[in-house]
């Protein structure tokens, strides 16, 4: 696994998740990393973030857990 990918996801390991437990379909770390990468790629909003995640799913699975995939 490339060093950049491991270290990027690692930075968000300890971020507290303020969401109600029953609404946690996706890991907060996965959401933050995809949001960051989507924004860097020119994404603007939740739809772009989802589209980015879907289009890069194979690559993202190399360093994110994504237990419920990408879509809501």
PDB file of N, CA and C in Angstrom:
ATOM      1  N   UNK A   1       0.847  -1.168   0.000  1.00  0.00           N
ATOM      2  CA  UNK A   1       0.000   0.000   0.000  1.00  0.00           C
ATOM      3  C   UNK A   1       0.901   1.242   0.000  1.00  0.00           C
ATOM      4  N   UNK A   2       0.658   2.181  -0.910  1.00  0.00           N
ATOM      5  CA  UNK A   2       1.503   3.383  -0.960  1.00  0.00           C
ATOM      6  C   UNK A   2       1.450   4.164   0.360  1.00  0.00           C
ATOM      7  N   UNK A   3       2.568   4.744   0.723  1.00  0.00           N
ATOM      8  CA  UNK A   3       2.693   5.458   1.989  1.00  0.00           C
ATOM      9  C   UNK A   3       1.710   6.621   2.104  1.00  0.00           C
ATOM     10  N   UNK A   4       1.490   7.366   1.028  1.00  0.00           N
ATOM     11  CA  UNK A   4       0.578   8.515   1.059  1.00  0.00           C
ATOM     12  C   UNK A   4      -0.825   8.086   1.469  1.00  0.00           C
ATOM     13  N   UNK A   5      -1.315   7.015   0.912  1.00  0.00           N
ATOM     14  CA  UNK A   5      -2.676   6.568   1.192  1.00  0.00           C
ATOM     15  C   UNK A   5      -2.843   6.162   2.659  1.00  0.00           C
ATOM     16  N   UNK A   6      -1.896   5.464   3.190  1.00  0.00           N
ATOM     17  CA  UNK A   6      -1.974   5.040   4.586  1.00  0.00           C
ATOM     18  C   UNK A   6      -1.939   6.258   5.495  1.00  0.00           C
ATOM     19  N   UNK A   7      -1.047   7.184   5.263  1.00  0.00           N
ATOM     20  CA  UNK A   7      -0.914   8.327   6.150  1.00  0.00           C
ATOM     21  C   UNK A   7      -2.106   9.272   6.046  1.00  0.00           C
ATOM     22  N   UNK A   8      -2.717   9.422   4.885  1.00  0.00           N
ATOM     23  CA  UNK A   8      -3.880  10.304   4.746  1.00  0.00           C
ATOM     24  C   UNK A   8      -5.036   9.810   5.598  1.00  0.00           C
ATOM     25  N   UNK A   9      -5.402   8.561   5.481  1.00  0.00           N
ATOM     26  CA  UNK A   9      -6.505   8.006   6.269  1.00  0.00           C
ATOM     27  C   UNK A   9      -6.160   7.986   7.751  1.00  0.00           C
ATOM     28  N   UNK A  10      -4.902   7.757   8.071  1.00  0.00           N
ATOM     29  CA  UNK A  10      -4.458   7.678   9.466  1.00  0.00           C
ATOM     30  C   UNK A  10      -4.689   8.988  10.223  1.00  0.00           C
ATOM     31  N   UNK A  11      -4.596  10.117   9.551  1.00  0.00           N
ATOM     32  CA  UNK A  11      -4.781  11.409  10.207  1.00  0.00           C
ATOM     33  C   UNK A  11      -6.179  11.568  10.811  1.00  0.00           C
ATOM     34  N   UNK A  12      -7.143  10.826  10.333  1.00  0.00           N
ATOM     35  CA  UNK A  12      -8.523  10.982  10.788  1.00  0.00           C
ATOM     36  C   UNK A  12      -8.998   9.845  11.698  1.00  0.00           C
ATOM     37  N   UNK A  13      -8.081   9.009  12.150  1.00  0.00           N
ATOM     38  CA  UNK A  13      -8.442   7.878  13.016  1.00  0.00           C
ATOM     39  C   UNK A  13      -9.108   8.305  14.320  1.00  0.00           C
ATOM     40  N   UNK A  14      -8.666   9.400  14.892  1.00  0.00           N
ATOM     41  CA  UNK A  14      -9.143   9.809  16.218  1.00  0.00           C
ATOM     42  C   UNK A  14     -10.171  10.934  16.182  1.00  0.00           C
ATOM     43  N   UNK A  15     -10.722  11.247  15.030  1.00  0.00           N
ATOM     44  CA  UNK A  15     -11.731  12.303  14.936  1.00  0.00           C
ATOM     45  C   UNK A  15     -13.013  11.810  15.610  1.00  0.00           C
ATOM     46  N   UNK A  16     -13.518  12.565  16.590  1.00  0.00           N
ATOM     47  CA  UNK A  16     -14.756  12.142  17.255  1.00  0.00           C
ATOM     48  C   UNK A  16     -15.950  12.249  16.309  1.00  0.00           C
ATOM     49  N   UNK A  17     -16.870  11.316  16.433  1.00  0.00           N
ATOM     50  CA  UNK A  17     -18.046  11.278  15.571  1.00  0.00           C
ATOM     51  C   UNK A  17     -19.264  11.772  16.360  1.00  0.00           C
ATOM     52  N   UNK A  18     -19.778  12.968  16.032  1.00  0.00           N
ATOM     53  CA  UNK A  18     -20.877  13.545  16.810  1.00  0.00           C
ATOM     54  C   UNK A  18     -22.263  13.017  16.430  1.00  0.00           C
ATOM     55  N   UNK A  19     -22.343  12.148  15.447  1.00  0.00           N
ATOM     56  CA  UNK A  19     -23.644  11.678  14.977  1.00  0.00           C
ATOM     57  C   UNK A  19     -24.297  10.713  15.962  1.00  0.00           C
ATOM     58  N   UNK A  20     -25.620  10.637  15.888  1.00  0.00           N
ATOM     59  CA  UNK A  20     -26.380   9.679  16.694  1.00  0.00           C
ATOM     60  C   UNK A  20     -25.994   8.282  16.215  1.00  0.00           C
ATOM     61  N   UNK A  21     -25.772   7.379  17.154  1.00  0.00           N
ATOM     62  CA  UNK A  21     -25.263   6.045  16.812  1.00  0.00           C
ATOM     63  C   UNK A  21     -26.109   5.332  15.743  1.00  0.00           C
ATOM     64  N   UNK A  22     -27.419   5.405  15.839  1.00  0.00           N
ATOM     65  CA  UNK A  22     -28.278   4.669  14.902  1.00  0.00           C
ATOM     66  C   UNK A  22     -28.222   5.214  13.471  1.00  0.00           C
ATOM     67  N   UNK A  23     -27.641   6.398  13.293  1.00  0.00           N
ATOM     68  CA  UNK A  23     -27.555   6.980  11.952  1.00  0.00           C
ATOM     69  C   UNK A  23     -26.177   6.811  11.319  1.00  0.00           C
ATOM     70  N   UNK A  24     -25.307   6.085  11.957  1.00  0.00           N
ATOM     71  CA  UNK A  24     -23.935   5.924  11.463  1.00  0.00           C
ATOM     72  C   UNK A  24     -23.844   4.785  10.453  1.00  0.00           C
ATOM     73  N   UNK A  25     -24.194   5.078   9.220  1.00  0.00           N
ATOM     74  CA  UNK A  25     -24.098   4.077   8.159  1.00  0.00           C
ATOM     75  C   UNK A  25     -22.662   3.997   7.614  1.00  0.00           C
ATOM     76  N   UNK A  26     -21.981   5.132   7.606  1.00  0.00           N
ATOM     77  CA  UNK A  26     -20.617   5.198   7.069  1.00  0.00           C
ATOM     78  C   UNK A  26     -19.676   5.700   8.153  1.00  0.00           C
ATOM     79  N   UNK A  27     -18.433   5.250   8.116  1.00  0.00           N
ATOM     80  CA  UNK A  27     -17.435   5.686   9.085  1.00  0.00           C
ATOM     81  C   UNK A  27     -17.073   7.146   8.835  1.00  0.00           C
ATOM     82  N   UNK A  28     -16.947   7.911   9.920  1.00  0.00           N
ATOM     83  CA  UNK A  28     -16.641   9.337   9.795  1.00  0.00           C
ATOM     84  C   UNK A  28     -15.306   9.547   9.073  1.00  0.00           C
ATOM     85  N   UNK A  29     -14.339   8.664   9.331  1.00  0.00           N
ATOM     86  CA  UNK A  29     -13.033   8.768   8.669  1.00  0.00           C
ATOM     87  C   UNK A  29     -13.185   8.609   7.156  1.00  0.00           C
ATOM     88  N   UNK A  30     -13.997   7.654   6.724  1.00  0.00           N
ATOM     89  CA  UNK A  30     -14.219   7.442   5.289  1.00  0.00           C
ATOM     90  C   UNK A  30     -14.877   8.662   4.656  1.00  0.00           C
ATOM     91  N   UNK A  31     -15.848   9.240   5.347  1.00  0.00           N
ATOM     92  CA  UNK A  31     -16.553  10.414   4.831  1.00  0.00           C
ATOM     93  C   UNK A  31     -15.591  11.591   4.666  1.00  0.00           C
ATOM     94  N   UNK A  32     -14.770  11.824   5.679  1.00  0.00           N
ATOM     95  CA  UNK A  32     -13.836  12.956   5.630  1.00  0.00           C
ATOM     96  C   UNK A  32     -12.832  12.796   4.500  1.00  0.00           C
ATOM     97  N   UNK A  33     -12.266  11.607   4.358  1.00  0.00           N
ATOM     98  CA  UNK A  33     -11.256  11.382   3.316  1.00  0.00           C
ATOM     99  C   UNK A  33     -11.873  11.542   1.922  1.00  0.00           C
ATOM    100  N   UNK A  34     -13.049  10.978   1.703  1.00  0.00           N
ATOM    101  CA  UNK A  34     -13.688  11.108   0.390  1.00  0.00           C
ATOM    102  C   UNK A  34     -14.074  12.562   0.122  1.00  0.00           C
ATOM    103  N   UNK A  35     -14.545  13.267   1.136  1.00  0.00           N
ATOM    104  CA  UNK A  35     -14.886  14.686   0.968  1.00  0.00           C
ATOM    105  C   UNK A  35     -13.649  15.496   0.589  1.00  0.00           C
ATOM    106  N   UNK A  36     -12.544  15.237   1.264  1.00  0.00           N
ATOM    107  CA  UNK A  36     -11.300  15.947   0.973  1.00  0.00           C
ATOM    108  C   UNK A  36     -10.814  15.667  -0.448  1.00  0.00           C
ATOM    109  N   UNK A  37     -10.766  14.393  -0.814  1.00  0.00           N
ATOM    110  CA  UNK A  37     -10.295  14.028  -2.152  1.00  0.00           C
ATOM    111  C   UNK A  37     -11.228  14.549  -3.240  1.00  0.00           C
ATOM    112  N   UNK A  38     -12.518  14.501  -2.996  1.00  0.00           N
ATOM    113  CA  UNK A  38     -13.495  15.002  -3.957  1.00  0.00           C
ATOM    114  C   UNK A  38     -13.328  16.511  -4.161  1.00  0.00           C
ATOM    115  N   UNK A  39     -13.108  17.230  -3.077  1.00  0.00           N
ATOM    116  CA  UNK A  39     -12.918  18.678  -3.162  1.00  0.00           C
ATOM    117  C   UNK A  39     -11.645  19.021  -3.932  1.00  0.00           C
ATOM    118  N   UNK A  40     -10.580  18.306  -3.657  1.00  0.00           N
ATOM    119  CA  UNK A  40      -9.323  18.517  -4.385  1.00  0.00           C
ATOM    120  C   UNK A  40      -9.526  18.276  -5.879  1.00  0.00           C
ATOM    121  N   UNK A  41     -10.382  17.307  -6.210  1.00  0.00           N
ATOM    122  CA  UNK A  41     -10.641  16.976  -7.613  1.00  0.00           C
ATOM    123  C   UNK A  41     -11.660  17.928  -8.263  1.00  0.00           C
ATOM    124  N   UNK A  42     -12.111  18.937  -7.509  1.00  0.00           N
ATOM    125  CA  UNK A  42     -13.026  19.925  -8.077  1.00  0.00           C
ATOM    126  C   UNK A  42     -14.484  19.708  -7.731  1.00  0.00           C
ATOM    127  N   UNK A  43     -14.771  18.761  -6.859  1.00  0.00           N
ATOM    128  CA  UNK A  43     -16.146  18.482  -6.462  1.00  0.00           C
ATOM    129  C   UNK A  43     -16.730  19.621  -5.636  1.00  0.00           C
ATOM    130  N   UNK A  44     -18.045  19.765  -5.732  1.00  0.00           N
ATOM    131  CA  UNK A  44     -18.725  20.841  -5.022  1.00  0.00           C
ATOM    132  C   UNK A  44     -20.059  20.323  -4.499  1.00  0.00           C
ATOM    133  N   UNK A  45     -20.049  19.757  -3.311  1.00  0.00           N
ATOM    134  CA  UNK A  45     -21.295  19.287  -2.711  1.00  0.00           C
ATOM    135  C   UNK A  45     -21.370  17.778  -2.592  1.00  0.00           C
ATOM    136  N   UNK A  46     -22.480  17.322  -1.969  1.00  0.00           N
ATOM    137  CA  UNK A  46     -22.664  15.908  -1.661  1.00  0.00           C
ATOM    138  C   UNK A  46     -22.775  15.029  -2.896  1.00  0.00           C
ATOM    139  N   UNK A  47     -23.453  15.512  -3.936  1.00  0.00           N
ATOM    140  CA  UNK A  47     -23.587  14.695  -5.156  1.00  0.00           C
ATOM    141  C   UNK A  47     -22.240  14.442  -5.803  1.00  0.00           C
ATOM    142  N   UNK A  48     -21.421  15.476  -5.895  1.00  0.00           N
ATOM    143  CA  UNK A  48     -20.088  15.306  -6.467  1.00  0.00           C
ATOM    144  C   UNK A  48     -19.244  14.360  -5.614  1.00  0.00           C
ATOM    145  N   UNK A  49     -19.409  14.458  -4.304  1.00  0.00           N
ATOM    146  CA  UNK A  49     -18.677  13.578  -3.396  1.00  0.00           C
ATOM    147  C   UNK A  49     -19.082  12.121  -3.625  1.00  0.00           C
ATOM    148  N   UNK A  50     -20.374  11.872  -3.748  1.00  0.00           N
ATOM    149  CA  UNK A  50     -20.855  10.518  -4.000  1.00  0.00           C
ATOM    150  C   UNK A  50     -20.371  10.013  -5.359  1.00  0.00           C
ATOM    151  N   UNK A  51     -20.467  10.851  -6.382  1.00  0.00           N
ATOM    152  CA  UNK A  51     -20.010  10.457  -7.726  1.00  0.00           C
ATOM    153  C   UNK A  51     -18.517  10.161  -7.736  1.00  0.00           C
ATOM    154  N   UNK A  52     -17.747  10.972  -7.021  1.00  0.00           N
ATOM    155  CA  UNK A  52     -16.308  10.730  -6.919  1.00  0.00           C
ATOM    156  C   UNK A  52     -16.049   9.377  -6.255  1.00  0.00           C
ATOM    157  N   UNK A  53     -16.738   9.133  -5.141  1.00  0.00           N
ATOM    158  CA  UNK A  53     -16.566   7.873  -4.423  1.00  0.00           C
ATOM    159  C   UNK A  53     -16.908   6.665  -5.267  1.00  0.00           C
ATOM    160  N   UNK A  54     -17.987   6.765  -6.015  1.00  0.00           N
ATOM    161  CA  UNK A  54     -18.402   5.654  -6.878  1.00  0.00           C
ATOM    162  C   UNK A  54     -17.369   5.419  -7.981  1.00  0.00           C
ATOM    163  N   UNK A  55     -16.900   6.503  -8.576  1.00  0.00           N
ATOM    164  CA  UNK A  55     -15.956   6.354  -9.694  1.00  0.00           C
ATOM    165  C   UNK A  55     -14.578   5.862  -9.246  1.00  0.00           C
ATOM    166  N   UNK A  56     -14.221   6.099  -8.006  1.00  0.00           N
ATOM    167  CA  UNK A  56     -12.902   5.707  -7.485  1.00  0.00           C
ATOM    168  C   UNK A  56     -12.994   4.574  -6.456  1.00  0.00           C
ATOM    169  N   UNK A  57     -14.096   3.851  -6.436  1.00  0.00           N
ATOM    170  CA  UNK A  57     -14.350   2.854  -5.398  1.00  0.00           C
ATOM    171  C   UNK A  57     -13.236   1.819  -5.262  1.00  0.00           C
ATOM    172  N   UNK A  58     -12.773   1.268  -6.342  1.00  0.00           N
ATOM    173  CA  UNK A  58     -11.723   0.246  -6.284  1.00  0.00           C
ATOM    174  C   UNK A  58     -10.475   0.798  -5.609  1.00  0.00           C
ATOM    175  N   UNK A  59     -10.075   1.994  -5.978  1.00  0.00           N
ATOM    176  CA  UNK A  59      -8.889   2.630  -5.394  1.00  0.00           C
ATOM    177  C   UNK A  59      -9.120   2.958  -3.927  1.00  0.00           C
ATOM    178  N   UNK A  60     -10.279   3.519  -3.594  1.00  0.00           N
ATOM    179  CA  UNK A  60     -10.575   3.905  -2.214  1.00  0.00           C
ATOM    180  C   UNK A  60     -10.592   2.708  -1.269  1.00  0.00           C
ATOM    181  N   UNK A  61     -11.017   1.550  -1.763  1.00  0.00           N
ATOM    182  CA  UNK A  61     -11.051   0.343  -0.934  1.00  0.00           C
ATOM    183  C   UNK A  61      -9.658  -0.125  -0.528  1.00  0.00           C
ATOM    184  N   UNK A  62      -8.628   0.382  -1.189  1.00  0.00           N
ATOM    185  CA  UNK A  62      -7.262   0.012  -0.834  1.00  0.00           C
ATOM    186  C   UNK A  62      -6.850   0.593   0.518  1.00  0.00           C
ATOM    187  N   UNK A  63      -7.474   1.700   0.938  1.00  0.00           N
ATOM    188  CA  UNK A  63      -7.055   2.325   2.193  1.00  0.00           C
ATOM    189  C   UNK A  63      -8.198   2.801   3.084  1.00  0.00           C
ATOM    190  N   UNK A  64      -9.449   2.627   2.659  1.00  0.00           N
ATOM    191  CA  UNK A  64     -10.599   2.947   3.501  1.00  0.00           C
ATOM    192  C   UNK A  64     -11.382   1.661   3.772  1.00  0.00           C
ATOM    193  N   UNK A  65     -12.122   1.631   4.855  1.00  0.00           N
ATOM    194  CA  UNK A  65     -12.875   0.426   5.192  1.00  0.00           C
ATOM    195  C   UNK A  65     -14.148   0.303   4.336  1.00  0.00           C
ATOM    196  N   UNK A  66     -14.916   1.370   4.218  1.00  0.00           N
ATOM    197  CA  UNK A  66     -16.141   1.394   3.413  1.00  0.00           C
ATOM    198  C   UNK A  66     -17.046   0.167   3.660  1.00  0.00           C
ATOM    199  N   UNK A  67     -17.432  -0.077   4.924  1.00  0.00           N
ATOM    200  CA  UNK A  67     -18.212  -1.276   5.232  1.00  0.00           C
ATOM    201  C   UNK A  67     -19.586  -1.329   4.549  1.00  0.00           C
ATOM    202  N   UNK A  68     -20.153  -0.189   4.201  1.00  0.00           N
ATOM    203  CA  UNK A  68     -21.457  -0.151   3.521  1.00  0.00           C
ATOM    204  C   UNK A  68     -21.357   0.477   2.136  1.00  0.00           C
ATOM    205  N   UNK A  69     -20.182   0.421   1.555  1.00  0.00           N
ATOM    206  CA  UNK A  69     -20.007   0.982   0.218  1.00  0.00           C
ATOM    207  C   UNK A  69     -19.993   2.501   0.234  1.00  0.00           C
ATOM    208  N   UNK A  70     -20.479   3.104  -0.852  1.00  0.00           N
ATOM    209  CA  UNK A  70     -20.435   4.548  -1.017  1.00  0.00           C
ATOM    210  C   UNK A  70     -21.805   5.189  -0.898  1.00  0.00           C
ATOM    211  N   UNK A  71     -22.780   4.629  -1.543  1.00  0.00           N
ATOM    212  CA  UNK A  71     -24.093   5.275  -1.619  1.00  0.00           C
ATOM    213  C   UNK A  71     -24.827   5.277  -0.294  1.00  0.00           C
ATOM    214  N   UNK A  72     -25.689   6.292  -0.152  1.00  0.00           N
ATOM    215  CA  UNK A  72     -26.481   6.460   1.075  1.00  0.00           C
ATOM    216  C   UNK A  72     -27.500   5.357   1.242  1.00  0.00           C
TER     217      UNK A  72
END
